[in-house]
Amino acid sequence: MIQMIKEGVVDTSMLDAMFGQWNLHWFNDSPELVKNYSEVRFDDSEN
């Protein structure tokens, strides 16, 4: 996923919105998933 974000294949604003809805609906807004997702989004922005 990180590579697809770096290559511009993925719209990060759409990805963020979809993740938020998905996490809320399926996982009751899991803080652990938010943390994991934040780490992936941080990694994609470093380079």
PDB file of N, CA and C in Angstrom:
ATOM      1  N   MET A   1       0.827  -1.185   0.000  1.00  0.00           N
ATOM      2  CA  MET A   1       0.000   0.000   0.000  1.00  0.00           C
ATOM      3  C   MET A   1       0.871   1.247   0.000  1.00  0.00           C
ATOM      4  N   ILE A   2       1.938   1.231   0.767  1.00  0.00           N
ATOM      5  CA  ILE A   2       2.814   2.401   0.838  1.00  0.00           C
ATOM      6  C   ILE A   2       3.363   2.741  -0.545  1.00  0.00           C
ATOM      7  N   GLN A   3       3.783   1.729  -1.293  1.00  0.00           N
ATOM      8  CA  GLN A   3       4.327   1.972  -2.630  1.00  0.00           C
ATOM      9  C   GLN A   3       3.262   2.560  -3.552  1.00  0.00           C
ATOM     10  N   MET A   4       2.042   2.056  -3.456  1.00  0.00           N
ATOM     11  CA  MET A   4       0.963   2.584  -4.296  1.00  0.00           C
ATOM     12  C   MET A   4       0.664   4.041  -3.936  1.00  0.00           C
ATOM     13  N   ILE A   5       0.759   4.384  -2.668  1.00  0.00           N
ATOM     14  CA  ILE A   5       0.561   5.773  -2.250  1.00  0.00           C
ATOM     15  C   ILE A   5       1.671   6.644  -2.812  1.00  0.00           C
ATOM     16  N   LYS A   6       2.918   6.177  -2.701  1.00  0.00           N
ATOM     17  CA  LYS A   6       4.058   6.947  -3.201  1.00  0.00           C
ATOM     18  C   LYS A   6       3.985   7.167  -4.712  1.00  0.00           C
ATOM     19  N   GLU A   7       3.442   6.186  -5.427  1.00  0.00           N
ATOM     20  CA  GLU A   7       3.346   6.283  -6.889  1.00  0.00           C
ATOM     21  C   GLU A   7       2.109   7.061  -7.336  1.00  0.00           C
ATOM     22  N   GLY A   8       1.285   7.479  -6.395  1.00  0.00           N
ATOM     23  CA  GLY A   8       0.105   8.259  -6.732  1.00  0.00           C
ATOM     24  C   GLY A   8      -1.060   7.441  -7.252  1.00  0.00           C
ATOM     25  N   VAL A   9      -0.990   6.131  -7.085  1.00  0.00           N
ATOM     26  CA  VAL A   9      -2.071   5.256  -7.530  1.00  0.00           C
ATOM     27  C   VAL A   9      -3.277   5.383  -6.597  1.00  0.00           C
ATOM     28  N   VAL A  10      -3.004   5.701  -5.339  1.00  0.00           N
ATOM     29  CA  VAL A  10      -4.043   5.790  -4.320  1.00  0.00           C
ATOM     30  C   VAL A  10      -4.252   7.248  -3.929  1.00  0.00           C
ATOM     31  N   ASP A  11      -5.493   7.668  -3.899  1.00  0.00           N
ATOM     32  CA  ASP A  11      -5.858   9.006  -3.430  1.00  0.00           C
ATOM     33  C   ASP A  11      -5.888   8.962  -1.900  1.00  0.00           C
ATOM     34  N   THR A  12      -4.915   9.588  -1.262  1.00  0.00           N
ATOM     35  CA  THR A  12      -4.791   9.472   0.194  1.00  0.00           C
ATOM     36  C   THR A  12      -5.955  10.102   0.947  1.00  0.00           C
ATOM     37  N   SER A  13      -6.559  11.151   0.429  1.00  0.00           N
ATOM     38  CA  SER A  13      -7.704  11.728   1.134  1.00  0.00           C
ATOM     39  C   SER A  13      -8.883  10.759   1.107  1.00  0.00           C
ATOM     40  N   MET A  14      -9.073  10.072  -0.012  1.00  0.00           N
ATOM     41  CA  MET A  14     -10.131   9.059  -0.102  1.00  0.00           C
ATOM     42  C   MET A  14      -9.795   7.864   0.782  1.00  0.00           C
ATOM     43  N   LEU A  15      -8.543   7.461   0.774  1.00  0.00           N
ATOM     44  CA  LEU A  15      -8.108   6.348   1.610  1.00  0.00           C
ATOM     45  C   LEU A  15      -8.361   6.643   3.084  1.00  0.00           C
ATOM     46  N   ASP A  16      -8.015   7.834   3.533  1.00  0.00           N
ATOM     47  CA  ASP A  16      -8.232   8.216   4.928  1.00  0.00           C
ATOM     48  C   ASP A  16      -9.717   8.190   5.294  1.00  0.00           C
ATOM     49  N   ALA A  17     -10.551   8.728   4.415  1.00  0.00           N
ATOM     50  CA  ALA A  17     -11.994   8.748   4.669  1.00  0.00           C
ATOM     51  C   ALA A  17     -12.563   7.333   4.705  1.00  0.00           C
ATOM     52  N   MET A  18     -12.141   6.509   3.761  1.00  0.00           N
ATOM     53  CA  MET A  18     -12.634   5.133   3.718  1.00  0.00           C
ATOM     54  C   MET A  18     -12.178   4.343   4.940  1.00  0.00           C
ATOM     55  N   PHE A  19     -10.934   4.551   5.352  1.00  0.00           N
ATOM     56  CA  PHE A  19     -10.451   3.853   6.542  1.00  0.00           C
ATOM     57  C   PHE A  19     -11.290   4.230   7.759  1.00  0.00           C
ATOM     58  N   GLY A  20     -11.543   5.515   7.938  1.00  0.00           N
ATOM     59  CA  GLY A  20     -12.323   5.967   9.086  1.00  0.00           C
ATOM     60  C   GLY A  20     -13.701   5.327   9.122  1.00  0.00           C
ATOM     61  N   GLN A  21     -14.374   5.288   7.992  1.00  0.00           N
ATOM     62  CA  GLN A  21     -15.706   4.676   7.918  1.00  0.00           C
ATOM     63  C   GLN A  21     -15.642   3.174   8.156  1.00  0.00           C
ATOM     64  N   TRP A  22     -14.673   2.525   7.552  1.00  0.00           N
ATOM     65  CA  TRP A  22     -14.504   1.081   7.688  1.00  0.00           C
ATOM     66  C   TRP A  22     -14.214   0.703   9.134  1.00  0.00           C
ATOM     67  N   ASN A  23     -13.295   1.421   9.762  1.00  0.00           N
ATOM     68  CA  ASN A  23     -12.930   1.124  11.143  1.00  0.00           C
ATOM     69  C   ASN A  23     -14.121   1.344  12.080  1.00  0.00           C
ATOM     70  N   LEU A  24     -14.845   2.420  11.878  1.00  0.00           N
ATOM     71  CA  LEU A  24     -16.005   2.706  12.721  1.00  0.00           C
ATOM     72  C   LEU A  24     -17.082   1.635  12.548  1.00  0.00           C
ATOM     73  N   HIS A  25     -17.375   1.280  11.313  1.00  0.00           N
ATOM     74  CA  HIS A  25     -18.456   0.329  11.043  1.00  0.00           C
ATOM     75  C   HIS A  25     -18.116  -1.095  11.482  1.00  0.00           C
ATOM     76  N   TRP A  26     -16.940  -1.571  11.115  1.00  0.00           N
ATOM     77  CA  TRP A  26     -16.600  -2.977  11.341  1.00  0.00           C
ATOM     78  C   TRP A  26     -15.855  -3.240  12.642  1.00  0.00           C
ATOM     79  N   PHE A  27     -15.148  -2.253  13.164  1.00  0.00           N
ATOM     80  CA  PHE A  27     -14.294  -2.500  14.324  1.00  0.00           C
ATOM     81  C   PHE A  27     -14.542  -1.539  15.475  1.00  0.00           C
ATOM     82  N   ASN A  28     -15.697  -0.865  15.452  1.00  0.00           N
ATOM     83  CA  ASN A  28     -16.092  -0.007  16.571  1.00  0.00           C
ATOM     84  C   ASN A  28     -15.044   1.055  16.889  1.00  0.00           C
ATOM     85  N   ASP A  29     -14.432   1.598  15.836  1.00  0.00           N
ATOM     86  CA  ASP A  29     -13.413   2.650  15.966  1.00  0.00           C
ATOM     87  C   ASP A  29     -12.227   2.200  16.816  1.00  0.00           C
ATOM     88  N   SER A  30     -11.666   1.067  16.453  1.00  0.00           N
ATOM     89  CA  SER A  30     -10.562   0.453  17.191  1.00  0.00           C
ATOM     90  C   SER A  30      -9.329   1.359  17.256  1.00  0.00           C
ATOM     91  N   PRO A  31      -8.887   1.718  18.463  1.00  0.00           N
ATOM     92  CA  PRO A  31      -7.676   2.535  18.594  1.00  0.00           C
ATOM     93  C   PRO A  31      -6.433   1.821  18.056  1.00  0.00           C
ATOM     94  N   GLU A  32      -6.399   0.497  18.168  1.00  0.00           N
ATOM     95  CA  GLU A  32      -5.250  -0.262  17.669  1.00  0.00           C
ATOM     96  C   GLU A  32      -5.145  -0.146  16.149  1.00  0.00           C
ATOM     97  N   LEU A  33      -6.286  -0.235  15.459  1.00  0.00           N
ATOM     98  CA  LEU A  33      -6.259  -0.079  14.001  1.00  0.00           C
ATOM     99  C   LEU A  33      -5.893   1.344  13.600  1.00  0.00           C
ATOM    100  N   VAL A  34      -6.363   2.321  14.346  1.00  0.00           N
ATOM    101  CA  VAL A  34      -6.003   3.719  14.068  1.00  0.00           C
ATOM    102  C   VAL A  34      -4.496   3.897  14.190  1.00  0.00           C
ATOM    103  N   LYS A  35      -3.923   3.311  15.230  1.00  0.00           N
ATOM    104  CA  LYS A  35      -2.471   3.401  15.439  1.00  0.00           C
ATOM    105  C   LYS A  35      -1.721   2.747  14.275  1.00  0.00           C
ATOM    106  N   ASN A  36      -2.149   1.547  13.892  1.00  0.00           N
ATOM    107  CA  ASN A  36      -1.492   0.846  12.784  1.00  0.00           C
ATOM    108  C   ASN A  36      -1.606   1.632  11.485  1.00  0.00           C
ATOM    109  N   TYR A  37      -2.776   2.155  11.216  1.00  0.00           N
ATOM    110  CA  TYR A  37      -2.996   2.935  10.001  1.00  0.00           C
ATOM    111  C   TYR A  37      -2.132   4.197  10.016  1.00  0.00           C
ATOM    112  N   SER A  38      -2.049   4.846  11.158  1.00  0.00           N
ATOM    113  CA  SER A  38      -1.227   6.056  11.278  1.00  0.00           C
ATOM    114  C   SER A  38       0.238   5.762  10.996  1.00  0.00           C
ATOM    115  N   GLU A  39       0.709   4.598  11.435  1.00  0.00           N
ATOM    116  CA  GLU A  39       2.097   4.217  11.171  1.00  0.00           C
ATOM    117  C   GLU A  39       2.327   4.023   9.675  1.00  0.00           C
ATOM    118  N   VAL A  40       1.386   3.408   8.985  1.00  0.00           N
ATOM    119  CA  VAL A  40       1.503   3.207   7.534  1.00  0.00           C
ATOM    120  C   VAL A  40       1.484   4.566   6.826  1.00  0.00           C
ATOM    121  N   ARG A  41       0.581   5.434   7.226  1.00  0.00           N
ATOM    122  CA  ARG A  41       0.478   6.764   6.588  1.00  0.00           C
ATOM    123  C   ARG A  41       1.719   7.595   6.884  1.00  0.00           C
ATOM    124  N   PHE A  42       2.313   7.452   8.072  1.00  0.00           N
ATOM    125  CA  PHE A  42       3.545   8.151   8.383  1.00  0.00           C
ATOM    126  C   PHE A  42       4.672   7.640   7.494  1.00  0.00           C
ATOM    127  N   ASP A  43       4.761   6.315   7.361  1.00  0.00           N
ATOM    128  CA  ASP A  43       5.815   5.710   6.535  1.00  0.00           C
ATOM    129  C   ASP A  43       5.735   6.165   5.090  1.00  0.00           C
ATOM    130  N   ASP A  44       4.521   6.348   4.579  1.00  0.00           N
ATOM    131  CA  ASP A  44       4.402   6.746   3.181  1.00  0.00           C
ATOM    132  C   ASP A  44       4.834   8.178   2.946  1.00  0.00           C
ATOM    133  N   SER A  45       4.861   8.999   3.986  1.00  0.00           N
ATOM    134  CA  SER A  45       5.187  10.406   3.810  1.00  0.00           C
ATOM    135  C   SER A  45       6.662  10.732   4.061  1.00  0.00           C
ATOM    136  N   GLU A  46       7.418   9.778   4.564  1.00  0.00           N
ATOM    137  CA  GLU A  46       8.826  10.049   4.908  1.00  0.00           C
ATOM    138  C   GLU A  46       9.691  10.301   3.700  1.00  0.00           C
ATOM    139  N   ASN A  47       9.427   9.601   2.607  1.00  0.00           N
ATOM    140  CA  ASN A  47      10.292   9.742   1.422  1.00  0.00           C
ATOM    141  C   ASN A  47       9.550  10.528   0.417  1.00  0.00           C
TER     142      ASN A  47
END
